[in-house]
Protein backbone atom coordinates (compact mmCIF):
# COMPACT_ATOMS: atom_id res chain seq x y z
CA MET A 1 12.29 -37.92 24.02
CA GLN A 2 14.41 -34.82 24.61
CA GLY A 3 13.51 -33.50 21.16
CA ILE A 4 9.78 -33.97 21.77
CA LEU A 5 10.03 -32.21 25.12
CA ALA A 6 12.03 -29.35 23.58
CA GLY A 7 9.46 -28.92 20.83
CA LEU A 8 6.46 -29.26 23.13
CA PRO A 9 5.93 -25.49 23.65
CA ILE A 10 5.65 -25.04 19.88
CA LEU A 11 3.54 -28.19 19.41
CA SER A 12 1.21 -27.01 22.17
CA ILE A 13 0.46 -23.87 20.18
CA PHE A 14 -0.79 -26.06 17.31
CA PHE A 15 -2.81 -28.14 19.73
CA PHE A 16 -4.53 -25.22 21.42
CA LEU A 17 -5.18 -23.37 18.16
CA PHE A 18 -6.38 -26.18 15.91
CA VAL A 19 -7.48 -29.04 18.16
CA LEU A 20 -9.05 -27.13 21.02
CA LYS A 21 -9.80 -24.16 18.69
CA GLN A 22 -8.72 -21.55 21.21
CA SER A 23 -8.01 -17.94 20.30
CA SER A 24 -4.44 -16.76 19.71
CA LEU A 25 -4.56 -14.97 23.07
CA ARG A 26 -5.58 -18.06 25.03
CA SER A 27 -3.27 -20.32 23.05
CA SER A 28 -0.28 -18.11 23.77
CA MET A 29 -1.05 -18.03 27.51
CA LEU A 30 -1.65 -21.78 27.72
CA SER A 31 1.54 -22.51 25.75
CA TYR A 32 3.44 -20.22 28.11
CA ILE A 33 2.15 -22.33 31.01
CA VAL A 34 3.30 -25.50 29.19
CA CYS A 35 6.77 -24.02 28.71
CA LEU A 36 6.79 -22.92 32.34
CA GLY A 37 5.96 -26.46 33.45
CA ILE A 38 8.81 -27.90 31.37
CA VAL A 39 11.52 -25.59 32.70
CA TRP A 40 10.35 -26.00 36.30
CA LEU A 41 9.56 -29.73 36.38
CA SER A 42 12.06 -31.21 33.92
CA SER A 43 15.72 -31.71 34.73
CA LEU A 44 16.58 -31.60 31.02
CA PHE A 45 15.84 -27.89 30.56
CA PRO A 46 15.93 -26.36 34.03
CA LEU A 47 15.42 -22.67 34.76
CA SER A 48 15.14 -21.02 38.14
CA GLY A 49 12.24 -18.79 39.10
CA GLY A 50 14.47 -15.74 38.66
CA GLU A 51 15.49 -16.83 35.16
CA VAL A 52 11.83 -17.32 34.18
CA VAL A 53 10.96 -13.85 35.47
CA HIS A 54 13.95 -12.42 33.59
CA ALA A 55 12.85 -14.09 30.32
CA THR A 56 9.26 -12.91 30.76
CA ILE A 57 10.24 -9.32 31.53
CA LYS A 58 12.59 -9.33 28.54
CA GLY A 59 9.72 -10.62 26.39
CA ALA A 60 7.51 -7.78 27.60
CA LEU A 61 10.24 -5.21 26.94
CA ILE A 62 10.81 -6.44 23.38
CA CYS A 63 7.05 -6.50 22.81
CA PHE A 64 6.85 -2.88 24.01
CA ILE A 65 8.92 -1.82 20.98
CA VAL A 66 6.12 -3.10 18.76
CA ALA A 67 3.18 -2.31 21.02
CA TYR A 68 4.26 1.33 21.36
CA VAL A 69 3.97 1.78 17.59
CA LEU A 70 0.88 -0.34 17.11
CA PHE A 71 -1.16 1.41 19.81
CA PHE A 72 -0.96 4.78 18.12
CA GLY A 73 -1.32 3.23 14.65
CA ILE A 74 -4.66 1.71 15.64
CA PHE A 75 -5.65 4.92 17.44
CA LEU A 76 -4.95 6.95 14.28
CA PHE A 77 -7.16 4.64 12.24
CA HIS A 78 -10.08 4.93 14.66
CA LEU A 79 -9.74 8.72 14.83
CA MET A 80 -9.88 9.01 11.05
CA ASN A 81 -12.57 6.38 10.63
CA GLY A 82 -14.75 8.14 13.19
CA ARG A 83 -14.64 11.34 11.12
CA GLY A 84 -15.56 9.54 7.90
CA CYS A 85 -12.10 9.94 6.39
CA ILE A 86 -11.71 6.30 5.40
CA GLU A 87 -15.13 6.30 3.71
CA ALA A 88 -14.30 9.53 1.90
CA MET A 89 -10.99 8.09 0.72
CA ALA A 90 -12.78 4.98 -0.50
CA ALA A 91 -15.41 7.04 -2.30
CA PHE A 92 -12.72 9.09 -4.00
CA ILE A 93 -11.03 5.99 -5.38
CA SER A 94 -14.26 4.26 -6.37
CA HIS A 95 -15.50 7.31 -8.29
CA ALA A 96 -12.16 8.16 -9.85
CA THR A 97 -12.51 5.33 -12.40
CA HIS A 98 -15.09 2.79 -13.52
CA ASP A 99 -12.34 0.51 -14.87
CA ARG A 100 -12.55 -2.47 -12.51
CA LEU A 101 -9.01 -3.61 -13.22
CA LEU A 102 -7.56 -0.19 -12.41
CA GLN A 103 -9.68 -0.14 -9.26
CA VAL A 104 -8.15 -3.47 -8.25
CA LEU A 105 -4.59 -2.24 -8.82
CA LEU A 106 -5.23 1.00 -6.94
CA LEU A 107 -6.95 -0.61 -3.96
CA CYS A 108 -4.72 -3.70 -3.63
CA PHE A 109 -1.38 -2.00 -4.18
CA GLY A 110 -2.11 1.57 -3.11
CA LEU A 111 -4.78 2.11 -0.47
CA CYS A 112 -4.52 -1.23 1.35
CA PRO A 113 -0.70 -1.16 1.78
CA LEU A 114 -0.95 2.52 2.77
CA ILE A 115 -3.41 1.84 5.60
CA GLU A 116 -1.65 -1.36 6.66
CA SER A 117 1.79 0.29 6.71
CA ALA A 118 0.56 2.99 9.08
CA SER A 119 -1.83 0.98 11.26
CA GLY A 120 -1.06 -2.73 10.91
CA PHE A 121 -3.33 -5.29 12.56
CA GLY A 122 -4.94 -6.26 9.21
CA ILE A 123 -6.78 -2.93 9.17
CA GLY A 124 -5.89 -2.46 5.49
CA PHE A 125 -7.95 -5.55 4.73
CA MET A 126 -10.87 -4.37 6.87
CA VAL A 127 -10.93 -1.05 4.99
CA THR A 128 -10.68 -2.37 1.42
CA ALA A 129 -13.03 -5.38 1.66
CA PRO A 130 -16.18 -3.22 2.12
CA ILE A 131 -15.00 -1.00 -0.76
CA PHE A 132 -14.73 -3.97 -3.12
CA LEU A 133 -18.22 -5.07 -2.07
CA ALA A 134 -19.61 -1.57 -2.64
CA LEU A 135 -18.07 -1.59 -6.12
CA GLY A 136 -19.99 -4.74 -6.96
CA PHE A 137 -17.26 -7.37 -6.70
CA PRO A 138 -18.52 -10.86 -5.66
CA PRO A 139 -18.00 -11.48 -1.92
CA LEU A 140 -15.43 -14.29 -2.27
CA GLN A 141 -13.50 -12.27 -4.82
CA ALA A 142 -13.64 -9.18 -2.59
CA ALA A 143 -12.18 -11.14 0.33
CA LEU A 144 -9.35 -12.64 -1.75
CA LEU A 145 -8.45 -9.28 -3.30
CA SER A 146 -8.38 -7.62 0.11
CA PHE A 147 -6.08 -10.36 1.41
CA ILE A 148 -3.75 -9.77 -1.54
CA GLY A 149 -3.58 -6.12 -0.47
CA LEU A 150 -1.66 -7.28 2.63
CA LEU A 151 1.28 -8.30 0.40
CA ALA A 152 3.75 -6.01 2.24
CA SER A 153 3.03 -7.14 5.80
CA SER A 154 6.76 -7.06 6.62
CA TRP A 155 6.35 -3.27 6.66
CA GLY A 156 2.96 -3.28 8.41
CA ALA A 157 2.54 -0.95 11.42
CA LEU A 158 5.78 0.77 10.41
CA ALA A 159 7.66 -2.54 10.11
CA THR A 160 7.17 -3.62 13.72
CA GLY A 161 7.57 -7.33 12.89
CA THR A 162 10.82 -6.68 11.05
CA ILE A 163 12.02 -4.58 13.99
CA ILE A 164 11.35 -7.53 16.30
CA GLY A 165 13.39 -9.77 13.98
CA SER A 166 16.23 -7.27 14.01
CA GLN A 167 16.17 -7.03 17.81
CA LEU A 168 16.18 -10.80 18.34
CA THR A 169 18.94 -11.59 15.83
CA GLY A 170 21.17 -8.55 16.30
CA MET A 171 20.95 -7.94 12.57
CA LYS A 172 20.90 -4.33 11.35
CA LEU A 173 17.35 -3.22 10.61
CA ALA A 174 18.25 -1.77 7.21
CA GLU A 175 19.99 -5.02 6.22
CA LEU A 176 17.04 -7.18 7.25
CA GLY A 177 14.52 -4.81 5.64
CA ALA A 178 16.37 -4.48 2.34
CA GLY A 179 17.00 -8.23 2.17
CA THR A 180 13.34 -8.95 2.84
CA ALA A 181 12.41 -6.49 0.09
CA LEU A 182 14.61 -8.32 -2.43
CA LEU A 183 13.18 -11.70 -1.45
CA SER A 184 9.65 -10.28 -1.66
CA THR A 185 10.07 -8.75 -5.13
CA PRO A 186 8.89 -11.85 -7.08
CA VAL A 187 6.06 -12.21 -4.55
CA PHE A 188 4.86 -8.66 -5.30
CA GLY A 189 4.69 -9.44 -9.02
CA TYR A 190 2.97 -12.75 -8.32
CA PHE A 191 0.30 -11.09 -6.18
CA MET A 192 -0.29 -8.27 -8.67
CA ALA A 193 -0.80 -10.74 -11.51
CA ALA A 194 -2.98 -12.95 -9.28
CA ALA A 195 -5.24 -10.00 -8.42
CA LEU A 196 -5.90 -9.25 -12.08
CA TRP A 197 -6.32 -12.95 -12.88
CA LEU A 198 -8.95 -13.31 -10.15
CA VAL A 199 -11.04 -10.55 -11.73
CA GLY A 200 -10.67 -11.25 -15.43
CA GLY A 201 -8.45 -14.27 -16.05
CA TRP A 202 -5.40 -14.12 -18.28
CA ARG A 203 -7.16 -11.62 -20.53
CA ALA A 204 -7.09 -9.09 -17.70
CA VAL A 205 -3.39 -9.74 -17.05
CA ARG A 206 -2.57 -9.16 -20.72
CA GLU A 207 -4.84 -6.11 -20.96
CA LYS A 208 -3.18 -4.35 -18.01
CA ALA A 209 0.33 -5.70 -18.58
CA LYS A 210 1.83 -2.21 -18.94
CA GLU A 211 0.15 -0.86 -15.81
CA LEU A 212 1.05 -4.03 -13.90
CA ALA A 213 4.70 -3.81 -14.95
CA ALA A 214 4.94 -0.11 -14.10
CA LEU A 215 3.37 -0.44 -10.65
CA PHE A 216 5.38 -3.59 -9.93
CA VAL A 217 8.69 -1.90 -10.72
CA LEU A 218 7.73 1.25 -8.82
CA PHE A 219 6.48 -0.58 -5.72
CA SER A 220 9.30 -3.15 -5.56
CA LEU A 221 12.14 -0.75 -6.32
CA SER A 222 10.91 1.96 -3.97
CA ILE A 223 10.33 -0.38 -1.03
CA PHE A 224 13.86 -1.76 -1.46
CA LEU A 225 15.54 1.64 -1.80
CA PHE A 226 13.60 3.18 1.08
CA SER A 227 14.41 0.17 3.28
CA LYS A 228 18.10 0.30 2.41
CA SER A 229 18.77 4.03 2.36
CA VAL A 230 16.00 5.97 4.12
CA SER A 231 13.96 4.13 6.76
CA VAL A 232 12.64 0.59 6.99
CA GLU A 233 9.79 1.88 9.13
CA LEU A 234 8.68 4.27 6.37
CA ALA A 235 9.41 2.05 3.36
CA GLY A 236 5.94 0.51 3.08
CA LEU A 237 4.17 3.82 3.64
CA LEU A 238 6.26 5.74 1.11
CA SER A 239 6.02 2.98 -1.51
CA ALA A 240 2.24 2.87 -1.10
CA VAL A 241 2.02 6.66 -1.48
CA LEU A 242 4.09 6.51 -4.68
CA THR A 243 2.04 3.62 -6.06
CA THR A 244 -1.24 5.36 -5.23
CA SER A 245 -0.01 8.57 -6.88
CA ALA A 246 1.09 6.67 -9.99
CA GLY A 247 -2.23 4.82 -10.14
CA LEU A 248 -4.23 8.05 -9.85
CA ALA A 249 -2.04 9.66 -12.51
CA ARG A 250 -2.75 6.72 -14.82
CA ILE A 251 -6.48 7.02 -14.15
CA ARG A 252 -6.42 10.75 -14.78
CA GLY A 253 -4.53 10.28 -18.04
CA LYS A 254 -7.02 7.67 -19.22
CA ALA A 255 -9.94 9.89 -18.25
CA ARG A 256 -8.53 12.78 -20.26
CA ARG A 257 -8.06 10.61 -23.32
CA GLU A 258 -11.63 9.38 -23.01
CA GLY A 259 -12.98 12.86 -22.36
CA ALA A 260 -14.27 11.93 -18.89
CA ALA A 261 -14.81 14.54 -16.22
CA TYR A 262 -12.25 13.19 -13.77
CA LYS A 263 -12.20 16.28 -11.61
CA GLN A 264 -15.96 16.33 -11.26
CA HIS A 265 -16.07 12.68 -10.26
CA ALA A 266 -13.26 13.13 -7.75
CA ALA A 267 -14.78 16.25 -6.27
CA ALA A 268 -18.14 14.52 -5.88
CA ALA A 269 -16.45 11.61 -4.18
CA GLU A 270 -14.55 13.84 -1.78
CA GLY A 271 -17.67 15.61 -0.60
CA HIS A 272 -16.80 18.30 1.92
CA ILE A 273 -13.40 16.78 2.79
CA SER A 274 -10.58 17.25 0.29
CA ILE A 275 -8.42 14.27 -0.55
CA LEU A 276 -5.35 16.25 0.55
CA LYS A 277 -6.89 16.81 3.97
CA ILE A 278 -7.78 13.12 4.22
CA LEU A 279 -4.21 12.09 3.48
CA SER A 280 -2.62 14.85 5.57
CA PRO A 281 -2.17 12.72 8.76
CA TYR A 282 -0.19 10.16 6.75
CA LEU A 283 1.80 12.91 5.03
CA PHE A 284 2.47 14.54 8.41
CA LEU A 285 3.68 11.20 9.79
CA THR A 286 5.94 10.65 6.78
CA VAL A 287 7.51 14.11 7.01
CA CYS A 288 8.09 13.77 10.76
CA ILE A 289 9.83 10.40 10.48
CA LEU A 290 11.92 11.56 7.52
CA PHE A 291 12.89 14.64 9.53
CA SER A 292 13.88 12.48 12.49
CA ARG A 293 16.05 10.22 10.29
CA LEU A 294 17.62 12.63 7.82
CA MET A 295 17.93 16.07 9.46
CA PRO A 296 21.57 16.57 10.52
CA GLY A 297 21.97 16.30 14.28
CA TRP A 298 18.42 15.18 15.00
CA PRO A 299 18.92 11.38 14.92
CA ALA A 300 21.68 11.66 17.52
CA PHE A 301 19.60 14.00 19.69
CA LEU A 302 16.52 11.76 19.59
CA GLN A 303 18.58 8.66 20.34
CA GLN A 304 20.19 10.26 23.40
CA HIS A 305 17.13 11.66 25.20
CA PHE A 306 14.19 9.90 26.86
CA ILE A 307 15.94 6.54 26.72
CA LEU A 308 14.63 3.38 28.33
CA HIS A 309 17.94 1.72 29.24
CA LEU A 310 18.06 -1.53 31.22
CA PRO A 311 21.57 -3.05 31.06
CA SER A 312 20.57 -6.24 32.89
CA TYR A 313 18.22 -7.05 30.00
CA SER A 314 20.56 -5.73 27.27
CA TYR A 315 17.72 -3.34 26.48
CA HIS A 316 18.06 0.14 24.99
CA PHE A 317 15.00 1.86 23.54
CA ALA A 318 14.84 5.50 22.38
CA LEU A 319 11.25 6.61 22.94
CA LEU A 320 11.52 9.77 20.81
CA TYR A 321 13.31 8.06 17.92
CA SER A 322 10.70 5.31 17.66
CA PRO A 323 7.97 5.68 15.01
CA GLY A 324 5.51 5.30 17.89
CA PHE A 325 6.30 8.82 19.11
CA TRP A 326 5.62 10.29 15.67
CA LEU A 327 2.42 8.28 15.34
CA CYS A 328 1.37 9.81 18.67
CA ALA A 329 2.14 13.26 17.25
CA SER A 330 0.11 12.38 14.13
CA CYS A 331 -2.85 11.42 16.33
CA LEU A 332 -2.70 14.83 18.03
CA PHE A 333 -2.37 16.49 14.62
CA THR A 334 -5.46 14.60 13.40
CA ILE A 335 -7.51 15.58 16.46
CA LEU A 336 -6.67 19.26 15.90
CA LEU A 337 -7.02 19.19 12.11
CA PHE A 338 -10.46 17.59 12.09
CA ARG A 339 -11.55 19.21 15.36
CA ILE A 340 -12.54 15.86 16.80
CA PRO A 341 -14.67 16.30 19.95
CA ARG A 342 -13.56 14.83 23.26
CA ALA A 343 -16.30 12.18 23.24
CA ALA A 344 -15.19 10.89 19.83
CA VAL A 345 -11.56 10.81 20.95
CA TRP A 346 -12.54 8.82 24.04
CA LEU A 347 -14.55 6.36 21.92
CA ALA A 348 -11.60 5.89 19.54
CA LEU A 349 -9.32 5.34 22.53
CA GLN A 350 -11.62 2.67 23.96
CA LYS A 351 -11.74 0.81 20.63
CA THR A 352 -7.96 1.03 20.39
CA VAL A 353 -7.39 -0.43 23.85
CA ARG A 354 -9.77 -3.33 23.14
CA GLN A 355 -7.80 -4.25 20.02
CA TRP A 356 -4.36 -3.52 21.42
CA ILE A 357 -4.40 -5.47 24.71
CA PRO A 358 -4.88 -8.96 23.15
CA PHE A 359 -2.05 -8.27 20.70
CA ALA A 360 0.29 -7.01 23.44
CA VAL A 361 -0.38 -9.99 25.71
CA THR A 362 -0.15 -12.54 22.88
CA THR A 363 3.12 -11.15 21.54
CA THR A 364 4.61 -10.92 25.05
CA MET A 365 3.75 -14.58 25.67
CA PHE A 366 5.26 -15.74 22.37
CA ILE A 367 8.48 -13.77 22.90
CA SER A 368 8.71 -14.99 26.50
CA ILE A 369 8.31 -18.59 25.34
CA SER A 370 11.10 -18.04 22.81
CA GLU A 371 13.33 -16.46 25.47
CA MET A 372 12.74 -19.36 27.90
CA MET A 373 13.40 -21.92 25.17
CA SER A 374 16.64 -20.15 24.29
CA ALA A 375 17.80 -19.77 27.91
CA SER A 376 17.00 -23.39 28.81
CA GLY A 377 18.73 -24.93 25.80
CA MET A 378 15.58 -26.03 23.93
CA HIS A 379 16.47 -23.90 20.91
CA ARG A 380 19.99 -25.31 20.85
CA LEU A 381 18.74 -28.91 20.94
CA LEU A 382 16.11 -28.28 18.25
CA ALA A 383 18.76 -26.57 16.12
CA GLU A 384 21.05 -29.59 16.49
CA LEU A 385 18.24 -32.01 15.63
CA GLY A 386 17.16 -29.87 12.69
CA GLY A 387 20.74 -29.67 11.49
CA ALA A 388 21.17 -33.43 11.79
CA ALA A 389 17.93 -34.07 9.91
CA PHE A 390 18.39 -31.54 7.09
CA GLY A 391 22.05 -30.53 7.04
CA ALA A 392 22.70 -28.01 4.28
CA LEU A 393 19.20 -28.76 2.97
CA PHE A 394 17.76 -26.81 5.90
CA MET A 395 17.32 -23.90 3.48
CA LEU A 396 14.50 -25.92 1.90
CA ALA A 397 12.69 -26.07 5.24
CA ALA A 398 13.32 -22.51 6.47
CA PRO A 399 10.58 -20.81 4.38
CA PHE A 400 7.99 -23.31 5.59
CA VAL A 401 8.99 -22.83 9.23
CA GLY A 402 8.50 -19.09 8.78
CA ALA A 403 5.23 -19.68 6.95
CA MET A 404 4.02 -21.92 9.77
CA GLY A 405 4.70 -19.15 12.27
CA GLY A 406 2.84 -16.55 10.24
CA PHE A 407 -0.08 -18.91 9.65
CA LEU A 408 -0.32 -19.77 13.34
CA THR A 409 -0.05 -16.32 14.84
CA GLY A 410 -1.41 -14.01 12.12
CA SER A 411 1.40 -11.64 13.09
CA ASN A 412 4.87 -11.21 11.64
CA ALA A 413 5.98 -9.93 15.04
CA GLY A 414 4.59 -13.01 16.77
CA SER A 415 6.08 -15.39 14.23
CA ASN A 416 9.52 -13.81 14.42
CA ALA A 417 9.30 -13.88 18.20
CA MET A 418 8.66 -17.64 18.08
CA PHE A 419 10.93 -18.84 15.30
CA ILE A 420 13.59 -16.40 14.11
CA GLN A 421 16.08 -17.27 16.86
CA LEU A 422 15.53 -20.99 16.25
CA GLN A 423 16.01 -20.53 12.50
CA VAL A 424 19.20 -18.52 12.98
CA GLN A 425 20.67 -21.01 15.47
CA THR A 426 19.92 -23.93 13.16
CA ALA A 427 21.52 -22.10 10.22
CA GLN A 428 24.65 -21.43 12.27
CA HIS A 429 24.77 -25.07 13.37
CA VAL A 430 24.72 -26.41 9.79
CA GLY A 431 26.95 -23.68 8.34
CA LEU A 432 24.34 -21.79 6.32
CA PRO A 433 24.44 -17.97 6.03
CA TRP A 434 22.25 -17.09 9.00
CA ARG A 435 21.45 -13.59 7.74
CA LEU A 436 19.89 -15.08 4.61
CA VAL A 437 17.86 -17.49 6.74
CA ALA A 438 16.66 -14.56 8.88
CA MET A 439 15.52 -12.76 5.72
CA VAL A 440 13.74 -15.89 4.49
CA GLN A 441 12.01 -16.25 7.86
CA ASN A 442 10.86 -12.62 7.81
CA ALA A 443 9.60 -12.73 4.22
CA SER A 444 7.79 -16.08 4.42
CA SER A 445 6.35 -15.30 7.84
CA SER A 446 4.84 -11.97 6.82
CA VAL A 447 3.22 -13.25 3.65
CA SER A 448 1.71 -16.25 5.45
CA THR A 449 -0.06 -14.09 8.04
CA ILE A 450 -2.64 -13.49 5.30
CA ALA A 451 -3.90 -17.08 5.63
CA CYS A 452 -4.16 -17.01 9.43
CA PRO A 453 -7.37 -18.90 10.39
CA SER A 454 -8.71 -16.03 12.52
CA ARG A 455 -8.22 -13.61 9.62
CA ILE A 456 -9.98 -16.01 7.25
CA THR A 457 -12.93 -16.18 9.66
CA LEU A 458 -13.04 -12.39 9.89
CA GLY A 459 -12.90 -12.11 6.10
CA ALA A 460 -15.74 -14.58 5.61
CA TYR A 461 -18.01 -12.74 8.05
CA LEU A 462 -16.99 -9.27 6.83
CA CYS A 463 -17.88 -10.22 3.26
CA GLY A 464 -21.08 -12.03 4.27
CA ILE A 465 -19.98 -15.54 3.28
CA PRO A 466 -19.53 -17.47 6.56
CA SER A 467 -20.78 -20.65 4.87
CA ARG A 468 -17.85 -20.45 2.41
CA GLU A 469 -15.15 -20.02 5.03
CA ASN A 470 -13.48 -23.35 4.20
CA GLU A 471 -13.43 -22.47 0.51
CA LEU A 472 -11.89 -19.09 1.32
CA LEU A 473 -9.26 -20.78 3.52
CA ARG A 474 -8.42 -23.31 0.81
CA LYS A 475 -8.02 -20.71 -1.94
CA THR A 476 -6.08 -18.31 0.26
CA THR A 477 -3.75 -21.09 1.41
CA LEU A 478 -3.07 -22.09 -2.21
CA LEU A 479 -2.35 -18.46 -3.06
CA ILE A 480 0.04 -18.08 -0.14
CA GLY A 481 1.64 -21.45 -0.88
CA GLY A 482 2.73 -20.14 -4.27
CA ALA A 483 4.33 -17.11 -2.63
CA VAL A 484 6.24 -19.27 -0.12
CA VAL A 485 7.54 -21.47 -2.95
CA LEU A 486 8.82 -18.34 -4.73
CA ILE A 487 10.69 -17.33 -1.56
CA LEU A 488 12.10 -20.87 -1.33
CA ILE A 489 13.35 -20.74 -4.93
CA GLU A 490 14.92 -17.32 -4.50
CA GLY A 491 16.51 -18.15 -1.14
CA THR A 492 18.00 -21.35 -2.57
CA GLY A 493 19.24 -19.40 -5.59
CA TRP A 494 20.98 -16.87 -3.36
CA LEU A 495 22.61 -19.69 -1.42
CA LEU A 496 23.93 -21.38 -4.56
CA LEU A 497 25.26 -18.10 -5.97
CA SER A 498 27.04 -17.28 -2.70
CA ARG A 499 29.04 -20.53 -2.81
């Protein structure tokens, strides 16, 4: 009975999402009310009104770390989209080569991760799906390929979900980011091969084996090294830039060998906006964040000024050091560079607020639920029950718990807010390396956000196949299931090697 009551806040999320078919926003608020009822009405997990308020405020403060970044990431996208930059970028790529397999590699592992790393929110998918359709790919195939492009969601919106995981576990961000990158390496190769297979079967995989291997090594190695040694926040963005550059270089080399007029095609695709100008906001953002991390003296300065410090909540947040500040600067840079009129800026701001508020509220509710469960002892009891049920075999369940969170919330930040503390506590209870379990949670959670039901619905409507939504969900879930199994195998392998 105690176990059921302790798990009720999590079970209620399933109920509201899949039985009552409520939105993530409503489900999070209703589940918060359920959790509130338990801690106020039950003597098993009691919390006072002050403790509930404390947990909720702490949830909002932790959410602010993510929301600060995401707001300006979405705003940057709408500013650029309003000036036709995204369309121009798409046209450049689509006209650069007529080789459909190279187009797939460039869009799935260059453009989509680039947009998603800067903006998050699944915007990379929303940008690339219409491009695939315009290139003549079948609608179902276009949707699946665009979903594959979200393969590096752990670094989406400048790694906000991974930052949440780091905050909640006390694990160093670089350690969590680099570990997630290692666990994700087989997944990157799996997705790259799957993208080619979807388009042309095993023949396509064999035909582009060299390009696939080169891009796989470049993307995987760079995202690991950048996460470990430079900046987790920038790792996805920098890796996508390198992969895009390598893909364009490969296309240019092929065009020269075939005698094609690459420059003429690219120039026609760019129209009146050069590709360098289109990419300049992302380059500006990258340079600013690198400067803030690597320039001697600057990291200390930025971490000591304009600090949001609340000792009673164990909360310390450097506003200038956060990627959100530099995204804000990039938005101002974009407005000046493209001379965006005030009316267009206001319209982009309105669109941003409409997208941002549901995310901020949903994530705050999920984190607050997790904080209340932790403070009331629910997490501890669930960890004990999980440890008793699985023992050392809990490592076999950890990837699926993370995957469940990503599938439910469609957000790595939301999933980590709900489950990473529970996973870590269970690992500590059964004597497993909790840092490894945290990495497994982060990796499996992020990859499973792709199959989130709301994202599947959006993909079906965006690609004009609402009647095939169930088919899209089934195929996407199978695709993601393979990735989660790879994470399970690698996590178990790490565990065995460490003993």
